[in-house]
Amino acid sequence: MSEAKRESMQKFSSSKENYLKAIFHLQKSDGVVTTNDVANELQTRPASVTDMLKKLKAQKLLIYERYKGFKLSQEGRKVALQIIRKHRLWEYFLVEKLNFGWDEVHEIAEELEHISSKQLIDRLDEFLGFPKTDPHGDPIPDSQGRFTLIRQVDLLHLPVNKTGEVSGIGDQSPEMLELLKHKQIGLGTRIEVKKVFAFDNSLELKIRNQTIVTVSEHVAKNVFVKYDE
């Protein structure tokens, strides 16, 4: 079978791809997702979600567990990982080659991730030097859907007076990324926790061995670091 035919067989609508990607992210916690979980994530009506989940199940992309919920089948997971791969490669391209800010690229990548050409994405990956993580520190799956998980902790679990290197961001909303940029916190930034305030769990941080900043508990929970134990 030709490459072109293989690619055409793997095409799904943008809507179906959005569902598969959302389910992939949601099921990481307990392995299954409910209709309401997906409806909340995609901000749509539960009835619409039910219809789509039935279609995905009919295509053998989902498995239904009675009284529990849905989870991706092996094929569904494979498709979801390729969508995620495209999204993160495009984010990397936009930041590294077109000089977009890391808070500007998500919505653009949401559109570009639905380009179906595997050949284009493979060449993009090669052109970029096969990056392992996107601009927010999330791992980029390779062409086979494989990726390496980074061992990291959030700032609330970084010991006081211990220095870590920022390796990932949980909440990637434009508002969060704008705040982190303002506080000069980005991937690779060296951070030392100087004090934890018991009143509200906010943290006093030392940035790059010079700047002292304070961040809220919410920010601390969403900034991940690597450090030597």
C-alpha atoms as a PDB file:
ATOM      1  CA  MET A   1       0.000   0.000   0.000  1.00  0.00           C
ATOM      2  CA  SER A   2       1.359   3.453  -0.909  1.00  0.00           C
ATOM      3  CA  GLU A   3       2.163   6.082   1.716  1.00  0.00           C
ATOM      4  CA  ALA A   4      -0.569   8.330   0.312  1.00  0.00           C
ATOM      5  CA  LYS A   5      -3.189   5.595   0.743  1.00  0.00           C
ATOM      6  CA  ARG A   6      -2.056   4.867   4.285  1.00  0.00           C
ATOM      7  CA  GLU A   7      -2.364   8.548   5.158  1.00  0.00           C
ATOM      8  CA  SER A   8      -5.826   8.894   3.627  1.00  0.00           C
ATOM      9  CA  MET A   9      -7.068   5.978   5.713  1.00  0.00           C
ATOM     10  CA  GLN A  10      -5.971   7.715   8.897  1.00  0.00           C
ATOM     11  CA  LYS A  11      -7.801  11.001   8.318  1.00  0.00           C
ATOM     12  CA  PHE A  12     -10.390  12.082  10.859  1.00  0.00           C
ATOM     13  CA  SER A  13     -12.451  15.241  11.147  1.00  0.00           C
ATOM     14  CA  SER A  14     -11.046  18.066  13.259  1.00  0.00           C
ATOM     15  CA  SER A  15     -13.883  17.516  15.728  1.00  0.00           C
ATOM     16  CA  LYS A  16     -13.043  13.838  16.203  1.00  0.00           C
ATOM     17  CA  GLU A  17      -9.368  14.662  16.628  1.00  0.00           C
ATOM     18  CA  ASN A  18     -10.225  17.240  19.292  1.00  0.00           C
ATOM     19  CA  TYR A  19     -12.226  14.629  21.186  1.00  0.00           C
ATOM     20  CA  LEU A  20      -9.447  12.034  21.009  1.00  0.00           C
ATOM     21  CA  LYS A  21      -6.866  14.534  22.241  1.00  0.00           C
ATOM     22  CA  ALA A  22      -9.117  15.709  25.078  1.00  0.00           C
ATOM     23  CA  ILE A  23      -9.821  12.141  26.196  1.00  0.00           C
ATOM     24  CA  PHE A  24      -6.097  11.330  26.132  1.00  0.00           C
ATOM     25  CA  HIS A  25      -5.345  14.214  28.502  1.00  0.00           C
ATOM     26  CA  LEU A  26      -8.326  13.508  30.764  1.00  0.00           C
ATOM     27  CA  GLN A  27      -7.786   9.781  31.209  1.00  0.00           C
ATOM     28  CA  LYS A  28      -4.254  10.155  32.571  1.00  0.00           C
ATOM     29  CA  SER A  29      -5.613  10.536  36.096  1.00  0.00           C
ATOM     30  CA  ASP A  30      -7.795   7.442  36.594  1.00  0.00           C
ATOM     31  CA  GLY A  31      -7.760   5.711  33.226  1.00  0.00           C
ATOM     32  CA  VAL A  32     -11.381   6.369  32.230  1.00  0.00           C
ATOM     33  CA  VAL A  33     -13.428   9.471  31.457  1.00  0.00           C
ATOM     34  CA  THR A  34     -17.135  10.240  31.698  1.00  0.00           C
ATOM     35  CA  THR A  35     -19.396  12.124  29.320  1.00  0.00           C
ATOM     36  CA  ASN A  36     -19.460  15.057  31.734  1.00  0.00           C
ATOM     37  CA  ASP A  37     -15.646  15.104  31.936  1.00  0.00           C
ATOM     38  CA  VAL A  38     -15.408  15.532  28.176  1.00  0.00           C
ATOM     39  CA  ALA A  39     -18.267  18.046  28.046  1.00  0.00           C
ATOM     40  CA  ASN A  40     -16.531  20.230  30.644  1.00  0.00           C
ATOM     41  CA  GLU A  41     -13.177  19.958  28.900  1.00  0.00           C
ATOM     42  CA  LEU A  42     -14.549  20.872  25.468  1.00  0.00           C
ATOM     43  CA  GLN A  43     -17.217  23.250  26.824  1.00  0.00           C
ATOM     44  CA  THR A  44     -20.059  21.569  24.976  1.00  0.00           C
ATOM     45  CA  ARG A  45     -23.347  19.817  25.813  1.00  0.00           C
ATOM     46  CA  PRO A  46     -23.278  16.278  27.275  1.00  0.00           C
ATOM     47  CA  ALA A  47     -25.763  15.159  24.593  1.00  0.00           C
ATOM     48  CA  SER A  48     -23.327  16.205  21.845  1.00  0.00           C
ATOM     49  CA  VAL A  49     -20.522  14.364  23.621  1.00  0.00           C
ATOM     50  CA  THR A  50     -22.600  11.196  23.859  1.00  0.00           C
ATOM     51  CA  ASP A  51     -23.218  11.245  20.102  1.00  0.00           C
ATOM     52  CA  MET A  52     -19.531  11.696  19.325  1.00  0.00           C
ATOM     53  CA  LEU A  53     -18.395   9.018  21.782  1.00  0.00           C
ATOM     54  CA  LYS A  54     -20.746   6.548  20.090  1.00  0.00           C
ATOM     55  CA  LYS A  55     -19.174   7.356  16.719  1.00  0.00           C
ATOM     56  CA  LEU A  56     -15.643   6.952  18.085  1.00  0.00           C
ATOM     57  CA  LYS A  57     -16.608   3.655  19.723  1.00  0.00           C
ATOM     58  CA  ALA A  58     -18.048   2.444  16.416  1.00  0.00           C
ATOM     59  CA  GLN A  59     -14.685   3.194  14.797  1.00  0.00           C
ATOM     60  CA  LYS A  60     -12.987   1.145  17.534  1.00  0.00           C
ATOM     61  CA  LEU A  61     -11.145   4.220  18.838  1.00  0.00           C
ATOM     62  CA  LEU A  62     -12.774   3.979  22.279  1.00  0.00           C
ATOM     63  CA  ILE A  63     -13.501   1.214  24.766  1.00  0.00           C
ATOM     64  CA  TYR A  64     -16.574   1.464  27.007  1.00  0.00           C
ATOM     65  CA  GLU A  65     -16.362   0.115  30.559  1.00  0.00           C
ATOM     66  CA  ARG A  66     -19.824  -0.486  31.989  1.00  0.00           C
ATOM     67  CA  TYR A  67     -20.710   1.868  34.876  1.00  0.00           C
ATOM     68  CA  LYS A  68     -17.260   3.492  34.643  1.00  0.00           C
ATOM     69  CA  GLY A  69     -16.819   5.376  31.393  1.00  0.00           C
ATOM     70  CA  PHE A  70     -14.719   5.451  28.264  1.00  0.00           C
ATOM     71  CA  LYS A  71     -11.034   5.119  27.538  1.00  0.00           C
ATOM     72  CA  LEU A  72      -8.992   5.157  24.357  1.00  0.00           C
ATOM     73  CA  SER A  73      -8.364   1.895  22.575  1.00  0.00           C
ATOM     74  CA  GLN A  74      -4.849   1.137  21.402  1.00  0.00           C
ATOM     75  CA  GLU A  75      -5.695   2.609  18.003  1.00  0.00           C
ATOM     76  CA  GLY A  76      -7.372   5.643  19.607  1.00  0.00           C
ATOM     77  CA  ARG A  77      -4.294   6.300  21.730  1.00  0.00           C
ATOM     78  CA  LYS A  78      -2.092   6.019  18.649  1.00  0.00           C
ATOM     79  CA  VAL A  79      -4.172   8.619  16.797  1.00  0.00           C
ATOM     80  CA  ALA A  80      -4.263  10.944  19.834  1.00  0.00           C
ATOM     81  CA  LEU A  81      -0.489  10.809  20.222  1.00  0.00           C
ATOM     82  CA  GLN A  82       0.035  11.789  16.582  1.00  0.00           C
ATOM     83  CA  ILE A  83      -2.285  14.792  17.024  1.00  0.00           C
ATOM     84  CA  ILE A  84      -0.327  15.797  20.128  1.00  0.00           C
ATOM     85  CA  ARG A  85       2.936  15.299  18.237  1.00  0.00           C
ATOM     86  CA  LYS A  86       1.786  17.676  15.491  1.00  0.00           C
ATOM     87  CA  HIS A  87       0.558  20.267  17.988  1.00  0.00           C
ATOM     88  CA  ARG A  88       3.802  20.334  19.956  1.00  0.00           C
ATOM     89  CA  LEU A  89       6.042  20.337  16.884  1.00  0.00           C
ATOM     90  CA  TRP A  90       4.136  23.313  15.487  1.00  0.00           C
ATOM     91  CA  GLU A  91       4.444  25.132  18.828  1.00  0.00           C
ATOM     92  CA  TYR A  92       8.195  24.493  18.791  1.00  0.00           C
ATOM     93  CA  PHE A  93       8.442  25.749  15.196  1.00  0.00           C
ATOM     94  CA  LEU A  94       6.469  28.914  15.937  1.00  0.00           C
ATOM     95  CA  VAL A  95       8.614  29.809  18.960  1.00  0.00           C
ATOM     96  CA  GLU A  96      12.045  28.741  17.709  1.00  0.00           C
ATOM     97  CA  LYS A  97      11.790  29.693  14.023  1.00  0.00           C
ATOM     98  CA  LEU A  98       9.170  32.456  13.852  1.00  0.00           C
ATOM     99  CA  ASN A  99       9.919  34.085  17.223  1.00  0.00           C
ATOM    100  CA  PHE A 100       6.415  33.851  18.667  1.00  0.00           C
ATOM    101  CA  GLY A 101       6.112  34.097  22.442  1.00  0.00           C
ATOM    102  CA  TRP A 102       5.297  30.895  24.303  1.00  0.00           C
ATOM    103  CA  ASP A 103       1.984  32.481  25.311  1.00  0.00           C
ATOM    104  CA  GLU A 104       1.001  33.150  21.670  1.00  0.00           C
ATOM    105  CA  VAL A 105       1.296  29.754  20.011  1.00  0.00           C
ATOM    106  CA  HIS A 106      -1.383  27.458  21.452  1.00  0.00           C
ATOM    107  CA  GLU A 107      -4.353  28.629  19.385  1.00  0.00           C
ATOM    108  CA  ILE A 108      -2.302  28.682  16.161  1.00  0.00           C
ATOM    109  CA  ALA A 109      -1.047  25.163  16.836  1.00  0.00           C
ATOM    110  CA  GLU A 110      -4.653  24.082  17.508  1.00  0.00           C
ATOM    111  CA  GLU A 111      -5.367  24.862  13.845  1.00  0.00           C
ATOM    112  CA  LEU A 112      -2.128  23.463  12.410  1.00  0.00           C
ATOM    113  CA  GLU A 113      -2.424  20.144  14.294  1.00  0.00           C
ATOM    114  CA  HIS A 114      -5.221  19.058  11.945  1.00  0.00           C
ATOM    115  CA  ILE A 115      -2.942  19.019   8.873  1.00  0.00           C
ATOM    116  CA  SER A 116      -3.015  15.345   7.925  1.00  0.00           C
ATOM    117  CA  SER A 117       0.186  14.937   5.869  1.00  0.00           C
ATOM    118  CA  LYS A 118       2.499  12.558   7.741  1.00  0.00           C
ATOM    119  CA  GLN A 119       5.269  13.356   5.293  1.00  0.00           C
ATOM    120  CA  LEU A 120       5.068  17.061   6.141  1.00  0.00           C
ATOM    121  CA  ILE A 121       5.177  16.403   9.895  1.00  0.00           C
ATOM    122  CA  ASP A 122       8.096  13.983   9.578  1.00  0.00           C
ATOM    123  CA  ARG A 123      10.035  16.567   7.579  1.00  0.00           C
ATOM    124  CA  LEU A 124       9.112  19.284  10.066  1.00  0.00           C
ATOM    125  CA  ASP A 125      10.441  17.077  12.886  1.00  0.00           C
ATOM    126  CA  GLU A 126      13.684  16.517  10.977  1.00  0.00           C
ATOM    127  CA  PHE A 127      14.004  20.226  10.103  1.00  0.00           C
ATOM    128  CA  LEU A 128      13.678  21.134  13.781  1.00  0.00           C
ATOM    129  CA  GLY A 129      16.323  18.592  14.812  1.00  0.00           C
ATOM    130  CA  PHE A 130      13.905  16.095  16.428  1.00  0.00           C
ATOM    131  CA  PRO A 131      13.136  18.169  19.558  1.00  0.00           C
ATOM    132  CA  LYS A 132      12.178  16.203  22.671  1.00  0.00           C
ATOM    133  CA  THR A 133      10.009  18.861  24.343  1.00  0.00           C
ATOM    134  CA  ASP A 134       7.805  21.754  23.243  1.00  0.00           C
ATOM    135  CA  PRO A 135       8.215  25.389  24.418  1.00  0.00           C
ATOM    136  CA  HIS A 136       6.236  24.600  27.598  1.00  0.00           C
ATOM    137  CA  GLY A 137       8.319  21.556  28.529  1.00  0.00           C
ATOM    138  CA  ASP A 138       5.823  18.912  27.408  1.00  0.00           C
ATOM    139  CA  PRO A 139       7.360  15.825  25.743  1.00  0.00           C
ATOM    140  CA  ILE A 140       6.969  15.523  21.956  1.00  0.00           C
ATOM    141  CA  PRO A 141       6.050  12.010  20.781  1.00  0.00           C
ATOM    142  CA  ASP A 142       8.169  10.643  17.938  1.00  0.00           C
ATOM    143  CA  SER A 143       6.735   9.219  14.706  1.00  0.00           C
ATOM    144  CA  GLN A 144       5.958   5.962  16.554  1.00  0.00           C
ATOM    145  CA  GLY A 145       4.171   7.732  19.426  1.00  0.00           C
ATOM    146  CA  ARG A 146       7.047   7.182  21.866  1.00  0.00           C
ATOM    147  CA  PHE A 147       8.193   9.880  24.264  1.00  0.00           C
ATOM    148  CA  THR A 148      10.285  10.207  27.390  1.00  0.00           C
ATOM    149  CA  LEU A 149       8.643  11.337  30.613  1.00  0.00           C
ATOM    150  CA  ILE A 150      10.639  13.926  32.535  1.00  0.00           C
ATOM    151  CA  ARG A 151      11.151  13.341  36.260  1.00  0.00           C
ATOM    152  CA  GLN A 152      10.029  16.576  37.862  1.00  0.00           C
ATOM    153  CA  VAL A 153       8.174  18.087  40.821  1.00  0.00           C
ATOM    154  CA  ASP A 154       6.107  21.230  41.213  1.00  0.00           C
ATOM    155  CA  LEU A 155       7.500  24.167  43.194  1.00  0.00           C
ATOM    156  CA  LEU A 156       5.412  23.268  46.249  1.00  0.00           C
ATOM    157  CA  HIS A 157       7.428  20.049  46.504  1.00  0.00           C
ATOM    158  CA  LEU A 158      10.857  21.579  45.858  1.00  0.00           C
ATOM    159  CA  PRO A 159      12.661  21.625  49.230  1.00  0.00           C
ATOM    160  CA  VAL A 160      13.415  25.033  50.744  1.00  0.00           C
ATOM    161  CA  ASN A 161      16.913  26.289  49.848  1.00  0.00           C
ATOM    162  CA  LYS A 162      17.110  23.729  47.046  1.00  0.00           C
ATOM    163  CA  THR A 163      17.678  24.954  43.487  1.00  0.00           C
ATOM    164  CA  GLY A 164      15.774  23.461  40.562  1.00  0.00           C
ATOM    165  CA  GLU A 165      15.572  24.128  36.826  1.00  0.00           C
ATOM    166  CA  VAL A 166      12.165  24.870  35.306  1.00  0.00           C
ATOM    167  CA  SER A 167      11.257  21.936  33.056  1.00  0.00           C
ATOM    168  CA  GLY A 168       7.527  22.284  32.437  1.00  0.00           C
ATOM    169  CA  ILE A 169       4.370  24.342  32.907  1.00  0.00           C
ATOM    170  CA  GLY A 170       1.032  22.801  33.890  1.00  0.00           C
ATOM    171  CA  ASP A 171      -1.485  25.597  33.359  1.00  0.00           C
ATOM    172  CA  GLN A 172      -0.585  26.874  29.879  1.00  0.00           C
ATOM    173  CA  SER A 173      -3.282  29.523  29.622  1.00  0.00           C
ATOM    174  CA  PRO A 174      -2.133  32.806  28.054  1.00  0.00           C
ATOM    175  CA  GLU A 175      -2.753  34.538  31.389  1.00  0.00           C
ATOM    176  CA  MET A 176      -0.477  32.153  33.297  1.00  0.00           C
ATOM    177  CA  LEU A 177       2.273  32.310  30.668  1.00  0.00           C
ATOM    178  CA  GLU A 178       2.086  36.112  30.620  1.00  0.00           C
ATOM    179  CA  LEU A 179       2.478  36.184  34.412  1.00  0.00           C
ATOM    180  CA  LEU A 180       5.474  33.830  34.344  1.00  0.00           C
ATOM    181  CA  LYS A 181       7.093  35.908  31.593  1.00  0.00           C
ATOM    182  CA  HIS A 182       6.606  39.036  33.723  1.00  0.00           C
ATOM    183  CA  LYS A 183       8.303  37.296  36.665  1.00  0.00           C
ATOM    184  CA  GLN A 184      11.142  36.149  34.367  1.00  0.00           C
ATOM    185  CA  ILE A 185      10.294  32.471  34.797  1.00  0.00           C
ATOM    186  CA  GLY A 186      10.717  30.274  31.718  1.00  0.00           C
ATOM    187  CA  LEU A 187      12.039  26.875  30.705  1.00  0.00           C
ATOM    188  CA  GLY A 188      15.589  26.474  31.969  1.00  0.00           C
ATOM    189  CA  THR A 189      15.239  29.194  34.640  1.00  0.00           C
ATOM    190  CA  ARG A 190      17.097  28.339  37.846  1.00  0.00           C
ATOM    191  CA  ILE A 191      14.797  28.755  40.861  1.00  0.00           C
ATOM    192  CA  GLU A 192      15.429  28.399  44.577  1.00  0.00           C
ATOM    193  CA  VAL A 193      12.573  28.275  47.102  1.00  0.00           C
ATOM    194  CA  LYS A 194      13.500  30.598  49.960  1.00  0.00           C
ATOM    195  CA  LYS A 195      10.314  30.561  52.032  1.00  0.00           C
ATOM    196  CA  VAL A 196       6.837  28.997  52.151  1.00  0.00           C
ATOM    197  CA  PHE A 197       4.147  31.189  53.734  1.00  0.00           C
ATOM    198  CA  ALA A 198       1.823  28.978  55.808  1.00  0.00           C
ATOM    199  CA  PHE A 199      -1.023  31.510  55.563  1.00  0.00           C
ATOM    200  CA  ASP A 200      -1.765  30.829  51.881  1.00  0.00           C
ATOM    201  CA  ASN A 201       1.020  28.491  50.674  1.00  0.00           C
ATOM    202  CA  SER A 202       2.531  31.241  48.550  1.00  0.00           C
ATOM    203  CA  LEU A 203       6.275  31.008  47.924  1.00  0.00           C
ATOM    204  CA  GLU A 204       9.201  33.395  47.995  1.00  0.00           C
ATOM    205  CA  LEU A 205      11.553  32.458  45.161  1.00  0.00           C
ATOM    206  CA  LYS A 206      15.057  33.431  44.166  1.00  0.00           C
ATOM    207  CA  ILE A 207      15.341  33.634  40.378  1.00  0.00           C
ATOM    208  CA  ARG A 208      18.668  33.179  38.582  1.00  0.00           C
ATOM    209  CA  ASN A 209      20.605  33.796  41.790  1.00  0.00           C
ATOM    210  CA  GLN A 210      19.481  37.415  41.917  1.00  0.00           C
ATOM    211  CA  THR A 211      15.770  38.347  41.690  1.00  0.00           C
ATOM    212  CA  ILE A 212      13.390  37.674  44.601  1.00  0.00           C
ATOM    213  CA  VAL A 213       9.726  37.173  43.644  1.00  0.00           C
ATOM    214  CA  THR A 214       6.589  35.872  45.354  1.00  0.00           C
ATOM    215  CA  VAL A 215       4.165  33.508  43.621  1.00  0.00           C
ATOM    216  CA  SER A 216       0.764  32.141  44.631  1.00  0.00           C
ATOM    217  CA  GLU A 217      -0.006  28.519  45.461  1.00  0.00           C
ATOM    218  CA  HIS A 218      -1.738  28.127  42.082  1.00  0.00           C
ATOM    219  CA  VAL A 219       1.364  29.285  40.228  1.00  0.00           C
ATOM    220  CA  ALA A 220       3.610  27.078  42.368  1.00  0.00           C
ATOM    221  CA  LYS A 221       1.471  24.006  41.579  1.00  0.00           C
ATOM    222  CA  ASN A 222       1.862  24.626  37.849  1.00  0.00           C
ATOM    223  CA  VAL A 223       5.613  25.265  37.586  1.00  0.00           C
ATOM    224  CA  PHE A 224       7.613  22.045  37.414  1.00  0.00           C
ATOM    225  CA  VAL A 225      11.340  21.710  38.023  1.00  0.00           C
ATOM    226  CA  LYS A 226      14.131  19.160  37.802  1.00  0.00           C
ATOM    227  CA  TYR A 227      16.649  19.016  40.628  1.00  0.00           C
ATOM    228  CA  ASP A 228      19.373  16.807  42.054  1.00  0.00           C
ATOM    229  CA  GLU A 229      18.202  15.043  45.195  1.00  0.00           C
END
